[in-house]
Full PDB file with SEQRES, HELIX, SHEET, SSBOND, CRYST1, ORIGX, SCALE, CONECT and MASTER records, all heavy atoms in Angstrom:
SEQRES   1 A   45  ALA GLN ASP ALA ARG ARG GLY LYS ILE PHE ASN LYS LEU          
SEQRES   2 A   45  ILE ARG GLU LEU SER VAL ALA ALA ARG HIS GLY GLY GLY          
SEQRES   3 A   45  ASP PRO ALA ASP ASN PRO ARG LEU ARG ALA ALA ILE ASP          
SEQRES   4 A   45  LYS ALA LEU SER ASN ASN                                      
HELIX    1 AA1 ARG A    6  GLY A   24  1                                  19    
HELIX    2 AA2 PRO A   32  SER A   43  1                                  12    
CRYST1    1.000    1.000    1.000  90.00  90.00  90.00 P 1           1          
ORIGX1      1.000000  0.000000  0.000000        0.00000                         
ORIGX2      0.000000  1.000000  0.000000        0.00000                         
ORIGX3      0.000000  0.000000  1.000000        0.00000                         
SCALE1      1.000000  0.000000  0.000000        0.00000                         
SCALE2      0.000000  1.000000  0.000000        0.00000                         
SCALE3      0.000000  0.000000  1.000000        0.00000                         
ATOM      1  N   ALA A   1     -21.989   0.589   0.453  1.00  0.00           N  
ATOM      2  CA  ALA A   1     -23.456   0.591   0.460  1.00  0.00           C  
ATOM      3  C   ALA A   1     -24.004   0.885   1.855  1.00  0.00           C  
ATOM      4  O   ALA A   1     -25.087   1.459   1.998  1.00  0.00           O  
ATOM      5  CB  ALA A   1     -23.970  -0.758  -0.027  1.00  0.00           C  
ATOM      6  N   GLN A   2     -23.243   0.498   2.878  1.00  0.00           N  
ATOM      7  CA  GLN A   2     -23.725   0.690   4.245  1.00  0.00           C  
ATOM      8  C   GLN A   2     -23.266   2.019   4.843  1.00  0.00           C  
ATOM      9  O   GLN A   2     -23.715   2.415   5.908  1.00  0.00           O  
ATOM     10  CB  GLN A   2     -23.209  -0.453   5.136  1.00  0.00           C  
ATOM     11  CG  GLN A   2     -23.767  -1.819   4.755  1.00  0.00           C  
ATOM     12  CD  GLN A   2     -23.117  -2.939   5.546  1.00  0.00           C  
ATOM     13  OE1 GLN A   2     -22.101  -2.747   6.201  1.00  0.00           O  
ATOM     14  NE2 GLN A   2     -23.694  -4.114   5.493  1.00  0.00           N  
ATOM     15  N   ASP A   3     -22.365   2.697   4.144  1.00  0.00           N  
ATOM     16  CA  ASP A   3     -21.724   3.880   4.724  1.00  0.00           C  
ATOM     17  C   ASP A   3     -22.634   5.103   4.603  1.00  0.00           C  
ATOM     18  O   ASP A   3     -22.896   5.590   3.511  1.00  0.00           O  
ATOM     19  CB  ASP A   3     -20.398   4.141   4.013  1.00  0.00           C  
ATOM     20  CG  ASP A   3     -19.530   5.122   4.771  1.00  0.00           C  
ATOM     21  OD1 ASP A   3     -20.047   5.770   5.698  1.00  0.00           O  
ATOM     22  OD2 ASP A   3     -18.351   5.226   4.439  1.00  0.00           O  
ATOM     23  N   ALA A   4     -23.084   5.584   5.752  1.00  0.00           N  
ATOM     24  CA  ALA A   4     -23.973   6.748   5.758  1.00  0.00           C  
ATOM     25  C   ALA A   4     -23.194   8.050   5.917  1.00  0.00           C  
ATOM     26  O   ALA A   4     -23.781   9.130   5.930  1.00  0.00           O  
ATOM     27  CB  ALA A   4     -24.989   6.621   6.900  1.00  0.00           C  
ATOM     28  N   ARG A   5     -21.869   7.946   6.044  1.00  0.00           N  
ATOM     29  CA  ARG A   5     -21.066   9.147   6.293  1.00  0.00           C  
ATOM     30  C   ARG A   5     -20.728   9.822   4.967  1.00  0.00           C  
ATOM     31  O   ARG A   5     -19.570   9.958   4.581  1.00  0.00           O  
ATOM     32  CB  ARG A   5     -19.803   8.775   7.061  1.00  0.00           C  
ATOM     33  CG  ARG A   5     -20.095   8.202   8.426  1.00  0.00           C  
ATOM     34  CD  ARG A   5     -18.821   7.885   9.172  1.00  0.00           C  
ATOM     35  NE  ARG A   5     -18.051   6.834   8.523  1.00  0.00           N  
ATOM     36  CZ  ARG A   5     -18.250   5.537   8.696  1.00  0.00           C  
ATOM     37  NH1 ARG A   5     -19.227   5.116   9.489  1.00  0.00           N  
ATOM     38  NH2 ARG A   5     -17.497   4.632   8.094  1.00  0.00           N  
ATOM     39  N   ARG A   6     -21.762  10.258   4.251  1.00  0.00           N  
ATOM     40  CA  ARG A   6     -21.582  10.826   2.913  1.00  0.00           C  
ATOM     41  C   ARG A   6     -20.651  12.039   2.928  1.00  0.00           C  
ATOM     42  O   ARG A   6     -19.815  12.225   2.042  1.00  0.00           O  
ATOM     43  CB  ARG A   6     -22.947  11.211   2.352  1.00  0.00           C  
ATOM     44  CG  ARG A   6     -22.899  11.819   0.968  1.00  0.00           C  
ATOM     45  CD  ARG A   6     -22.358  10.845  -0.065  1.00  0.00           C  
ATOM     46  NE  ARG A   6     -23.198   9.674  -0.198  1.00  0.00           N  
ATOM     47  CZ  ARG A   6     -22.883   8.624  -0.945  1.00  0.00           C  
ATOM     48  NH1 ARG A   6     -21.738   8.584  -1.579  1.00  0.00           N  
ATOM     49  NH2 ARG A   6     -23.698   7.597  -1.032  1.00  0.00           N  
ATOM     50  N   GLY A   7     -20.767  12.861   3.955  1.00  0.00           N  
ATOM     51  CA  GLY A   7     -19.906  14.034   4.034  1.00  0.00           C  
ATOM     52  C   GLY A   7     -18.442  13.665   4.078  1.00  0.00           C  
ATOM     53  O   GLY A   7     -17.608  14.294   3.429  1.00  0.00           O  
ATOM     54  N   LYS A   8     -18.119  12.629   4.844  1.00  0.00           N  
ATOM     55  CA  LYS A   8     -16.724  12.212   4.954  1.00  0.00           C  
ATOM     56  C   LYS A   8     -16.225  11.653   3.627  1.00  0.00           C  
ATOM     57  O   LYS A   8     -15.085  11.908   3.225  1.00  0.00           O  
ATOM     58  CB  LYS A   8     -16.573  11.174   6.063  1.00  0.00           C  
ATOM     59  CG  LYS A   8     -15.146  10.678   6.249  1.00  0.00           C  
ATOM     60  CD  LYS A   8     -14.976   9.860   7.518  1.00  0.00           C  
ATOM     61  CE  LYS A   8     -14.971  10.734   8.738  1.00  0.00           C  
ATOM     62  NZ  LYS A   8     -14.559  10.009   9.961  1.00  0.00           N  
ATOM     63  N   ILE A   9     -17.062  10.885   2.939  1.00  0.00           N  
ATOM     64  CA  ILE A   9     -16.681  10.349   1.635  1.00  0.00           C  
ATOM     65  C   ILE A   9     -16.394  11.498   0.673  1.00  0.00           C  
ATOM     66  O   ILE A   9     -15.381  11.508  -0.026  1.00  0.00           O  
ATOM     67  CB  ILE A   9     -17.795   9.451   1.066  1.00  0.00           C  
ATOM     68  CG1 ILE A   9     -17.947   8.185   1.909  1.00  0.00           C  
ATOM     69  CG2 ILE A   9     -17.494   9.064  -0.376  1.00  0.00           C  
ATOM     70  CD1 ILE A   9     -19.148   7.347   1.528  1.00  0.00           C  
ATOM     71  N   PHE A  10     -17.272  12.494   0.649  1.00  0.00           N  
ATOM     72  CA  PHE A  10     -17.095  13.615  -0.255  1.00  0.00           C  
ATOM     73  C   PHE A  10     -15.826  14.405   0.069  1.00  0.00           C  
ATOM     74  O   PHE A  10     -15.122  14.864  -0.837  1.00  0.00           O  
ATOM     75  CB  PHE A  10     -18.319  14.539  -0.212  1.00  0.00           C  
ATOM     76  CG  PHE A  10     -19.429  14.108  -1.141  1.00  0.00           C  
ATOM     77  CD1 PHE A  10     -19.454  12.828  -1.667  1.00  0.00           C  
ATOM     78  CD2 PHE A  10     -20.431  14.990  -1.502  1.00  0.00           C  
ATOM     79  CE1 PHE A  10     -20.475  12.425  -2.524  1.00  0.00           C  
ATOM     80  CE2 PHE A  10     -21.452  14.603  -2.365  1.00  0.00           C  
ATOM     81  CZ  PHE A  10     -21.469  13.314  -2.875  1.00  0.00           C  
ATOM     82  N   ASN A  11     -15.535  14.574   1.340  1.00  0.00           N  
ATOM     83  CA  ASN A  11     -14.326  15.301   1.731  1.00  0.00           C  
ATOM     84  C   ASN A  11     -13.076  14.618   1.174  1.00  0.00           C  
ATOM     85  O   ASN A  11     -12.143  15.282   0.701  1.00  0.00           O  
ATOM     86  CB  ASN A  11     -14.224  15.396   3.256  1.00  0.00           C  
ATOM     87  CG  ASN A  11     -15.200  16.395   3.840  1.00  0.00           C  
ATOM     88  OD1 ASN A  11     -15.700  17.269   3.125  1.00  0.00           O  
ATOM     89  ND2 ASN A  11     -15.479  16.275   5.126  1.00  0.00           N  
ATOM     90  N   LYS A  12     -13.050  13.296   1.222  1.00  0.00           N  
ATOM     91  CA  LYS A  12     -11.891  12.566   0.717  1.00  0.00           C  
ATOM     92  C   LYS A  12     -11.798  12.669  -0.796  1.00  0.00           C  
ATOM     93  O   LYS A  12     -10.704  12.823  -1.364  1.00  0.00           O  
ATOM     94  CB  LYS A  12     -11.960  11.102   1.166  1.00  0.00           C  
ATOM     95  CG  LYS A  12     -11.836  10.960   2.682  1.00  0.00           C  
ATOM     96  CD  LYS A  12     -11.761   9.518   3.144  1.00  0.00           C  
ATOM     97  CE  LYS A  12     -11.633   9.482   4.671  1.00  0.00           C  
ATOM     98  NZ  LYS A  12     -11.230   8.176   5.176  1.00  0.00           N  
ATOM     99  N   LEU A  13     -12.933  12.609  -1.460  1.00  0.00           N  
ATOM    100  CA  LEU A  13     -12.932  12.753  -2.914  1.00  0.00           C  
ATOM    101  C   LEU A  13     -12.473  14.151  -3.327  1.00  0.00           C  
ATOM    102  O   LEU A  13     -11.712  14.313  -4.286  1.00  0.00           O  
ATOM    103  CB  LEU A  13     -14.335  12.483  -3.461  1.00  0.00           C  
ATOM    104  CG  LEU A  13     -14.837  11.033  -3.352  1.00  0.00           C  
ATOM    105  CD1 LEU A  13     -16.315  10.966  -3.688  1.00  0.00           C  
ATOM    106  CD2 LEU A  13     -14.051  10.110  -4.266  1.00  0.00           C  
ATOM    107  N   ILE A  14     -12.923  15.155  -2.611  1.00  0.00           N  
ATOM    108  CA  ILE A  14     -12.544  16.540  -2.917  1.00  0.00           C  
ATOM    109  C   ILE A  14     -11.045  16.730  -2.737  1.00  0.00           C  
ATOM    110  O   ILE A  14     -10.377  17.393  -3.547  1.00  0.00           O  
ATOM    111  CB  ILE A  14     -13.349  17.526  -2.050  1.00  0.00           C  
ATOM    112  CG1 ILE A  14     -14.792  17.597  -2.559  1.00  0.00           C  
ATOM    113  CG2 ILE A  14     -12.712  18.908  -2.040  1.00  0.00           C  
ATOM    114  CD1 ILE A  14     -15.737  18.336  -1.640  1.00  0.00           C  
ATOM    115  N   ARG A  15     -10.486  16.132  -1.696  1.00  0.00           N  
ATOM    116  CA  ARG A  15      -9.036  16.225  -1.488  1.00  0.00           C  
ATOM    117  C   ARG A  15      -8.276  15.611  -2.658  1.00  0.00           C  
ATOM    118  O   ARG A  15      -7.297  16.176  -3.144  1.00  0.00           O  
ATOM    119  CB  ARG A  15      -8.639  15.505  -0.197  1.00  0.00           C  
ATOM    120  CG  ARG A  15      -8.934  16.261   1.075  1.00  0.00           C  
ATOM    121  CD  ARG A  15      -8.373  15.494   2.262  1.00  0.00           C  
ATOM    122  NE  ARG A  15      -8.675  16.148   3.518  1.00  0.00           N  
ATOM    123  CZ  ARG A  15      -8.288  15.697   4.706  1.00  0.00           C  
ATOM    124  NH1 ARG A  15      -7.586  14.576   4.772  1.00  0.00           N  
ATOM    125  NH2 ARG A  15      -8.585  16.336   5.799  1.00  0.00           N  
ATOM    126  N   GLU A  16      -8.704  14.439  -3.093  1.00  0.00           N  
ATOM    127  CA  GLU A  16      -8.026  13.772  -4.202  1.00  0.00           C  
ATOM    128  C   GLU A  16      -8.135  14.596  -5.479  1.00  0.00           C  
ATOM    129  O   GLU A  16      -7.158  14.732  -6.225  1.00  0.00           O  
ATOM    130  CB  GLU A  16      -8.615  12.378  -4.414  1.00  0.00           C  
ATOM    131  CG  GLU A  16      -8.112  11.660  -5.662  1.00  0.00           C  
ATOM    132  CD  GLU A  16      -6.614  11.431  -5.698  1.00  0.00           C  
ATOM    133  OE1 GLU A  16      -5.950  11.480  -4.642  1.00  0.00           O  
ATOM    134  OE2 GLU A  16      -6.102  11.218  -6.809  1.00  0.00           O  
ATOM    135  N   LEU A  17      -9.294  15.157  -5.752  1.00  0.00           N  
ATOM    136  CA  LEU A  17      -9.471  16.008  -6.926  1.00  0.00           C  
ATOM    137  C   LEU A  17      -8.529  17.205  -6.886  1.00  0.00           C  
ATOM    138  O   LEU A  17      -7.862  17.529  -7.884  1.00  0.00           O  
ATOM    139  CB  LEU A  17     -10.921  16.496  -7.009  1.00  0.00           C  
ATOM    140  CG  LEU A  17     -11.977  15.456  -7.377  1.00  0.00           C  
ATOM    141  CD1 LEU A  17     -13.374  15.969  -7.005  1.00  0.00           C  
ATOM    142  CD2 LEU A  17     -11.924  15.123  -8.868  1.00  0.00           C  
ATOM    143  N   SER A  18      -8.453  17.853  -5.740  1.00  0.00           N  
ATOM    144  CA  SER A  18      -7.628  19.054  -5.616  1.00  0.00           C  
ATOM    145  C   SER A  18      -6.143  18.745  -5.748  1.00  0.00           C  
ATOM    146  O   SER A  18      -5.409  19.445  -6.449  1.00  0.00           O  
ATOM    147  CB  SER A  18      -7.897  19.737  -4.265  1.00  0.00           C  
ATOM    148  OG  SER A  18      -9.226  20.210  -4.199  1.00  0.00           O  
ATOM    149  N   VAL A  19      -5.702  17.676  -5.088  1.00  0.00           N  
ATOM    150  CA  VAL A  19      -4.277  17.331  -5.147  1.00  0.00           C  
ATOM    151  C   VAL A  19      -3.898  16.843  -6.543  1.00  0.00           C  
ATOM    152  O   VAL A  19      -2.823  17.169  -7.062  1.00  0.00           O  
ATOM    153  CB  VAL A  19      -3.934  16.273  -4.077  1.00  0.00           C  
ATOM    154  CG1 VAL A  19      -2.525  15.734  -4.275  1.00  0.00           C  
ATOM    155  CG2 VAL A  19      -4.071  16.882  -2.683  1.00  0.00           C  
ATOM    156  N   ALA A  20      -4.775  16.079  -7.179  1.00  0.00           N  
ATOM    157  CA  ALA A  20      -4.498  15.623  -8.542  1.00  0.00           C  
ATOM    158  C   ALA A  20      -4.362  16.809  -9.485  1.00  0.00           C  
ATOM    159  O   ALA A  20      -3.468  16.841 -10.345  1.00  0.00           O  
ATOM    160  CB  ALA A  20      -5.610  14.694  -9.017  1.00  0.00           C  
ATOM    161  N   ALA A  21      -5.237  17.810  -9.344  1.00  0.00           N  
ATOM    162  CA  ALA A  21      -5.165  19.003 -10.187  1.00  0.00           C  
ATOM    163  C   ALA A  21      -3.920  19.821  -9.878  1.00  0.00           C  
ATOM    164  O   ALA A  21      -3.296  20.392 -10.785  1.00  0.00           O  
ATOM    165  CB  ALA A  21      -6.423  19.853  -9.996  1.00  0.00           C  
ATOM    166  N   ARG A  22      -3.545  19.874  -8.599  1.00  0.00           N  
ATOM    167  CA  ARG A  22      -2.356  20.647  -8.223  1.00  0.00           C  
ATOM    168  C   ARG A  22      -1.093  20.061  -8.843  1.00  0.00           C  
ATOM    169  O   ARG A  22      -0.203  20.782  -9.288  1.00  0.00           O  
ATOM    170  CB  ARG A  22      -2.236  20.678  -6.693  1.00  0.00           C  
ATOM    171  CG  ARG A  22      -0.946  21.316  -6.182  1.00  0.00           C  
ATOM    172  CD  ARG A  22      -1.120  21.937  -4.810  1.00  0.00           C  
ATOM    173  NE  ARG A  22      -1.623  20.999  -3.836  1.00  0.00           N  
ATOM    174  CZ  ARG A  22      -0.848  20.248  -3.054  1.00  0.00           C  
ATOM    175  NH1 ARG A  22       0.457  20.280  -3.180  1.00  0.00           N  
ATOM    176  NH2 ARG A  22      -1.385  19.438  -2.161  1.00  0.00           N  
ATOM    177  N   HIS A  23      -1.018  18.739  -8.884  1.00  0.00           N  
ATOM    178  CA  HIS A  23       0.196  18.091  -9.380  1.00  0.00           C  
ATOM    179  C   HIS A  23       0.227  17.959 -10.905  1.00  0.00           C  
ATOM    180  O   HIS A  23       1.299  17.994 -11.503  1.00  0.00           O  
ATOM    181  CB  HIS A  23       0.347  16.704  -8.760  1.00  0.00           C  
ATOM    182  CG  HIS A  23       0.750  16.742  -7.322  1.00  0.00           C  
ATOM    183  ND1 HIS A  23       1.859  17.421  -6.877  1.00  0.00           N  
ATOM    184  CD2 HIS A  23       0.193  16.175  -6.215  1.00  0.00           C  
ATOM    185  CE1 HIS A  23       1.978  17.279  -5.561  1.00  0.00           C  
ATOM    186  NE2 HIS A  23       0.965  16.538  -5.137  1.00  0.00           N  
ATOM    187  N   GLY A  24      -0.943  17.788 -11.530  1.00  0.00           N  
ATOM    188  CA  GLY A  24      -0.939  17.506 -12.962  1.00  0.00           C  
ATOM    189  C   GLY A  24      -1.728  18.464 -13.817  1.00  0.00           C  
ATOM    190  O   GLY A  24      -1.867  18.241 -15.027  1.00  0.00           O  
ATOM    191  N   GLY A  25      -2.276  19.529 -13.201  1.00  0.00           N  
ATOM    192  CA  GLY A  25      -3.067  20.474 -13.968  1.00  0.00           C  
ATOM    193  C   GLY A  25      -4.544  20.139 -13.949  1.00  0.00           C  
ATOM    194  O   GLY A  25      -4.944  19.022 -13.601  1.00  0.00           O  
ATOM    195  N   GLY A  26      -5.355  21.116 -14.350  1.00  0.00           N  
ATOM    196  CA  GLY A  26      -6.801  20.988 -14.213  1.00  0.00           C  
ATOM    197  C   GLY A  26      -7.523  20.375 -15.391  1.00  0.00           C  
ATOM    198  O   GLY A  26      -8.756  20.316 -15.383  1.00  0.00           O  
ATOM    199  N   ASP A  27      -6.791  19.929 -16.418  1.00  0.00           N  
ATOM    200  CA  ASP A  27      -7.432  19.331 -17.584  1.00  0.00           C  
ATOM    201  C   ASP A  27      -7.341  17.809 -17.503  1.00  0.00           C  
ATOM    202  O   ASP A  27      -6.253  17.245 -17.628  1.00  0.00           O  
ATOM    203  CB  ASP A  27      -6.755  19.822 -18.858  1.00  0.00           C  
ATOM    204  CG  ASP A  27      -7.448  19.318 -20.124  1.00  0.00           C  
ATOM    205  OD1 ASP A  27      -8.397  18.514 -20.004  1.00  0.00           O  
ATOM    206  OD2 ASP A  27      -7.039  19.723 -21.228  1.00  0.00           O  
ATOM    207  N   PRO A  28      -8.472  17.116 -17.302  1.00  0.00           N  
ATOM    208  CA  PRO A  28      -8.422  15.654 -17.163  1.00  0.00           C  
ATOM    209  C   PRO A  28      -7.901  14.948 -18.411  1.00  0.00           C  
ATOM    210  O   PRO A  28      -7.389  13.837 -18.321  1.00  0.00           O  
ATOM    211  CB  PRO A  28      -9.871  15.268 -16.865  1.00  0.00           C  
ATOM    212  CG  PRO A  28     -10.692  16.430 -17.322  1.00  0.00           C  
ATOM    213  CD  PRO A  28      -9.838  17.631 -17.154  1.00  0.00           C  
ATOM    214  N   ALA A  29      -7.997  15.588 -19.574  1.00  0.00           N  
ATOM    215  CA  ALA A  29      -7.498  14.972 -20.802  1.00  0.00           C  
ATOM    216  C   ALA A  29      -5.978  14.835 -20.772  1.00  0.00           C  
ATOM    217  O   ALA A  29      -5.411  13.944 -21.416  1.00  0.00           O  
ATOM    218  CB  ALA A  29      -7.930  15.795 -22.019  1.00  0.00           C  
ATOM    219  N   ASP A  30      -5.312  15.711 -20.025  1.00  0.00           N  
ATOM    220  CA  ASP A  30      -3.851  15.685 -19.921  1.00  0.00           C  
ATOM    221  C   ASP A  30      -3.369  15.208 -18.555  1.00  0.00           C  
ATOM    222  O   ASP A  30      -2.160  15.245 -18.278  1.00  0.00           O  
ATOM    223  CB  ASP A  30      -3.290  17.090 -20.189  1.00  0.00           C  
ATOM    224  CG  ASP A  30      -3.608  17.575 -21.588  1.00  0.00           C  
ATOM    225  OD1 ASP A  30      -3.586  16.749 -22.518  1.00  0.00           O  
ATOM    226  OD2 ASP A  30      -3.898  18.782 -21.738  1.00  0.00           O  
ATOM    227  N   ASN A  31      -4.295  14.800 -17.706  1.00  0.00           N  
ATOM    228  CA  ASN A  31      -3.950  14.431 -16.331  1.00  0.00           C  
ATOM    229  C   ASN A  31      -4.683  13.138 -15.968  1.00  0.00           C  
ATOM    230  O   ASN A  31      -5.811  13.184 -15.471  1.00  0.00           O  
ATOM    231  CB  ASN A  31      -4.342  15.578 -15.381  1.00  0.00           C  
ATOM    232  CG  ASN A  31      -3.919  15.319 -13.943  1.00  0.00           C  
ATOM    233  OD1 ASN A  31      -3.589  14.203 -13.560  1.00  0.00           O  
ATOM    234  ND2 ASN A  31      -3.946  16.372 -13.127  1.00  0.00           N  
ATOM    235  N   PRO A  32      -4.069  11.963 -16.213  1.00  0.00           N  
ATOM    236  CA  PRO A  32      -4.747  10.684 -15.952  1.00  0.00           C  
ATOM    237  C   PRO A  32      -5.216  10.522 -14.511  1.00  0.00           C  
ATOM    238  O   PRO A  32      -6.280   9.951 -14.256  1.00  0.00           O  
ATOM    239  CB  PRO A  32      -3.672   9.646 -16.302  1.00  0.00           C  
ATOM    240  CG  PRO A  32      -2.763  10.345 -17.262  1.00  0.00           C  
ATOM    241  CD  PRO A  32      -2.732  11.767 -16.806  1.00  0.00           C  
ATOM    242  N   ARG A  33      -4.431  11.033 -13.578  1.00  0.00           N  
ATOM    243  CA  ARG A  33      -4.847  10.906 -12.169  1.00  0.00           C  
ATOM    244  C   ARG A  33      -6.125  11.704 -11.913  1.00  0.00           C  
ATOM    245  O   ARG A  33      -7.028  11.230 -11.209  1.00  0.00           O  
ATOM    246  CB  ARG A  33      -3.724  11.382 -11.248  1.00  0.00           C  
ATOM    247  CG  ARG A  33      -4.095  11.314  -9.774  1.00  0.00           C  
ATOM    248  CD  ARG A  33      -2.971  11.743  -8.879  1.00  0.00           C  
ATOM    249  NE  ARG A  33      -3.376  11.774  -7.491  1.00  0.00           N  
ATOM    250  CZ  ARG A  33      -2.589  12.151  -6.487  1.00  0.00           C  
ATOM    251  NH1 ARG A  33      -1.336  12.520  -6.724  1.00  0.00           N  
ATOM    252  NH2 ARG A  33      -3.042  12.173  -5.247  1.00  0.00           N  
ATOM    253  N   LEU A  34      -6.204  12.892 -12.469  1.00  0.00           N  
ATOM    254  CA  LEU A  34      -7.411  13.701 -12.289  1.00  0.00           C  
ATOM    255  C   LEU A  34      -8.597  13.035 -12.963  1.00  0.00           C  
ATOM    256  O   LEU A  34      -9.703  13.030 -12.416  1.00  0.00           O  
ATOM    257  CB  LEU A  34      -7.192  15.105 -12.857  1.00  0.00           C  
ATOM    258  CG  LEU A  34      -8.387  16.048 -12.770  1.00  0.00           C  
ATOM    259  CD1 LEU A  34      -8.826  16.253 -11.325  1.00  0.00           C  
ATOM    260  CD2 LEU A  34      -8.056  17.386 -13.426  1.00  0.00           C  
ATOM    261  N   ARG A  35      -8.386  12.472 -14.148  1.00  0.00           N  
ATOM    262  CA  ARG A  35      -9.472  11.773 -14.843  1.00  0.00           C  
ATOM    263  C   ARG A  35     -10.029  10.661 -13.965  1.00  0.00           C  
ATOM    264  O   ARG A  35     -11.253  10.494 -13.847  1.00  0.00           O  
ATOM    265  CB  ARG A  35      -8.951  11.214 -16.175  1.00  0.00           C  
ATOM    266  CG  ARG A  35      -9.854  10.161 -16.825  1.00  0.00           C  
ATOM    267  CD  ARG A  35     -11.224  10.725 -17.217  1.00  0.00           C  
ATOM    268  NE  ARG A  35     -12.150   9.645 -17.509  1.00  0.00           N  
ATOM    269  CZ  ARG A  35     -12.255   9.031 -18.681  1.00  0.00           C  
ATOM    270  NH1 ARG A  35     -11.477   9.398 -19.701  1.00  0.00           N  
ATOM    271  NH2 ARG A  35     -13.119   8.063 -18.848  1.00  0.00           N  
ATOM    272  N   ALA A  36      -9.147   9.866 -13.353  1.00  0.00           N  
ATOM    273  CA  ALA A  36      -9.601   8.774 -12.490  1.00  0.00           C  
ATOM    274  C   ALA A  36     -10.345   9.312 -11.270  1.00  0.00           C  
ATOM    275  O   ALA A  36     -11.356   8.740 -10.839  1.00  0.00           O  
ATOM    276  CB  ALA A  36      -8.411   7.929 -12.044  1.00  0.00           C  
ATOM    277  N   ALA A  37      -9.879  10.429 -10.717  1.00  0.00           N  
ATOM    278  CA  ALA A  37     -10.533  11.025  -9.546  1.00  0.00           C  
ATOM    279  C   ALA A  37     -11.924  11.544  -9.902  1.00  0.00           C  
ATOM    280  O   ALA A  37     -12.874  11.408  -9.122  1.00  0.00           O  
ATOM    281  CB  ALA A  37      -9.669  12.157  -8.988  1.00  0.00           C  
ATOM    282  N   ILE A  38     -12.053  12.144 -11.083  1.00  0.00           N  
ATOM    283  CA  ILE A  38     -13.359  12.641 -11.515  1.00  0.00           C  
ATOM    284  C   ILE A  38     -14.338  11.486 -11.721  1.00  0.00           C  
ATOM    285  O   ILE A  38     -15.500  11.549 -11.306  1.00  0.00           O  
ATOM    286  CB  ILE A  38     -13.210  13.472 -12.810  1.00  0.00           C  
ATOM    287  CG1 ILE A  38     -12.503  14.790 -12.504  1.00  0.00           C  
ATOM    288  CG2 ILE A  38     -14.575  13.741 -13.446  1.00  0.00           C  
ATOM    289  CD1 ILE A  38     -12.151  15.601 -13.740  1.00  0.00           C  
ATOM    290  N   ASP A  39     -13.858  10.397 -12.345  1.00  0.00           N  
ATOM    291  CA  ASP A  39     -14.718   9.227 -12.538  1.00  0.00           C  
ATOM    292  C   ASP A  39     -15.223   8.692 -11.196  1.00  0.00           C  
ATOM    293  O   ASP A  39     -16.393   8.339 -11.049  1.00  0.00           O  
ATOM    294  CB  ASP A  39     -13.947   8.125 -13.266  1.00  0.00           C  
ATOM    295  CG  ASP A  39     -13.816   8.390 -14.755  1.00  0.00           C  
ATOM    296  OD1 ASP A  39     -14.421   9.373 -15.238  1.00  0.00           O  
ATOM    297  OD2 ASP A  39     -13.117   7.634 -15.440  1.00  0.00           O  
ATOM    298  N   LYS A  40     -14.320   8.644 -10.226  1.00  0.00           N  
ATOM    299  CA  LYS A  40     -14.692   8.124  -8.905  1.00  0.00           C  
ATOM    300  C   LYS A  40     -15.704   9.042  -8.229  1.00  0.00           C  
ATOM    301  O   LYS A  40     -16.668   8.586  -7.603  1.00  0.00           O  
ATOM    302  CB  LYS A  40     -13.442   7.972  -8.040  1.00  0.00           C  
ATOM    303  CG  LYS A  40     -13.658   7.183  -6.770  1.00  0.00           C  
ATOM    304  CD  LYS A  40     -12.323   6.866  -6.106  1.00  0.00           C  
ATOM    305  CE  LYS A  40     -12.497   5.965  -4.902  1.00  0.00           C  
ATOM    306  NZ  LYS A  40     -11.195   5.599  -4.287  1.00  0.00           N  
ATOM    307  N   ALA A  41     -15.499  10.348  -8.359  1.00  0.00           N  
ATOM    308  CA  ALA A  41     -16.430  11.310  -7.758  1.00  0.00           C  
ATOM    309  C   ALA A  41     -17.810  11.207  -8.399  1.00  0.00           C  
ATOM    310  O   ALA A  41     -18.833  11.220  -7.704  1.00  0.00           O  
ATOM    311  CB  ALA A  41     -15.875  12.723  -7.903  1.00  0.00           C  
ATOM    312  N   LEU A  42     -17.851  11.091  -9.726  1.00  0.00           N  
ATOM    313  CA  LEU A  42     -19.139  10.971 -10.415  1.00  0.00           C  
ATOM    314  C   LEU A  42     -19.868   9.686 -10.020  1.00  0.00           C  
ATOM    315  O   LEU A  42     -21.087   9.673  -9.867  1.00  0.00           O  
ATOM    316  CB  LEU A  42     -18.920  11.007 -11.929  1.00  0.00           C  
ATOM    317  CG  LEU A  42     -18.516  12.357 -12.525  1.00  0.00           C  
ATOM    318  CD1 LEU A  42     -18.129  12.198 -13.991  1.00  0.00           C  
ATOM    319  CD2 LEU A  42     -19.633  13.384 -12.370  1.00  0.00           C  
ATOM    320  N   SER A  43     -19.103   8.609  -9.837  1.00  0.00           N  
ATOM    321  CA  SER A  43     -19.726   7.335  -9.460  1.00  0.00           C  
ATOM    322  C   SER A  43     -20.299   7.387  -8.054  1.00  0.00           C  
ATOM    323  O   SER A  43     -21.140   6.574  -7.683  1.00  0.00           O  
ATOM    324  CB  SER A  43     -18.711   6.185  -9.567  1.00  0.00           C  
ATOM    325  OG  SER A  43     -17.735   6.274  -8.561  1.00  0.00           O  
ATOM    326  N   ASN A  44     -19.820   8.355  -7.248  1.00  0.00           N  
ATOM    327  CA  ASN A  44     -20.365   8.556  -5.900  1.00  0.00           C  
ATOM    328  C   ASN A  44     -21.383   9.697  -5.861  1.00  0.00           C  
ATOM    329  O   ASN A  44     -21.676  10.235  -4.803  1.00  0.00           O  
ATOM    330  CB  ASN A  44     -19.226   8.843  -4.916  1.00  0.00           C  
ATOM    331  CG  ASN A  44     -18.513   7.587  -4.461  1.00  0.00           C  
ATOM    332  OD1 ASN A  44     -18.953   6.913  -3.531  1.00  0.00           O  
ATOM    333  ND2 ASN A  44     -17.412   7.253  -5.125  1.00  0.00           N  
ATOM    334  N   ASN A  45     -21.894  10.043  -7.058  1.00  0.00           N  
ATOM    335  CA  ASN A  45     -22.975  11.026  -7.184  1.00  0.00           C  
ATOM    336  C   ASN A  45     -22.588  12.434  -6.763  1.00  0.00           C  
ATOM    337  O   ASN A  45     -23.441  13.227  -6.341  1.00  0.00           O  
ATOM    338  CB  ASN A  45     -24.217  10.574  -6.393  1.00  0.00           C  
ATOM    339  CG  ASN A  45     -24.745   9.245  -6.885  1.00  0.00           C  
ATOM    340  OD1 ASN A  45     -24.840   9.020  -8.092  1.00  0.00           O  
ATOM    341  ND2 ASN A  45     -25.064   8.357  -5.961  1.00  0.00           N  
TER     342      ASN A  45                                                      
MASTER        0    0    0    2    0    0    0    6  341    1    0    4          
END                                                                             
């Protein structure tokens, strides 16, 4: 709530999304790690 470094937060989320897709494919229905990463990204707007 106090973290104003939105760009840094987004950079970390983007990395997780990309690596999750690289390892398990781009379909969240078949890639639980990617599904969790997408949920986290959406919760951070």
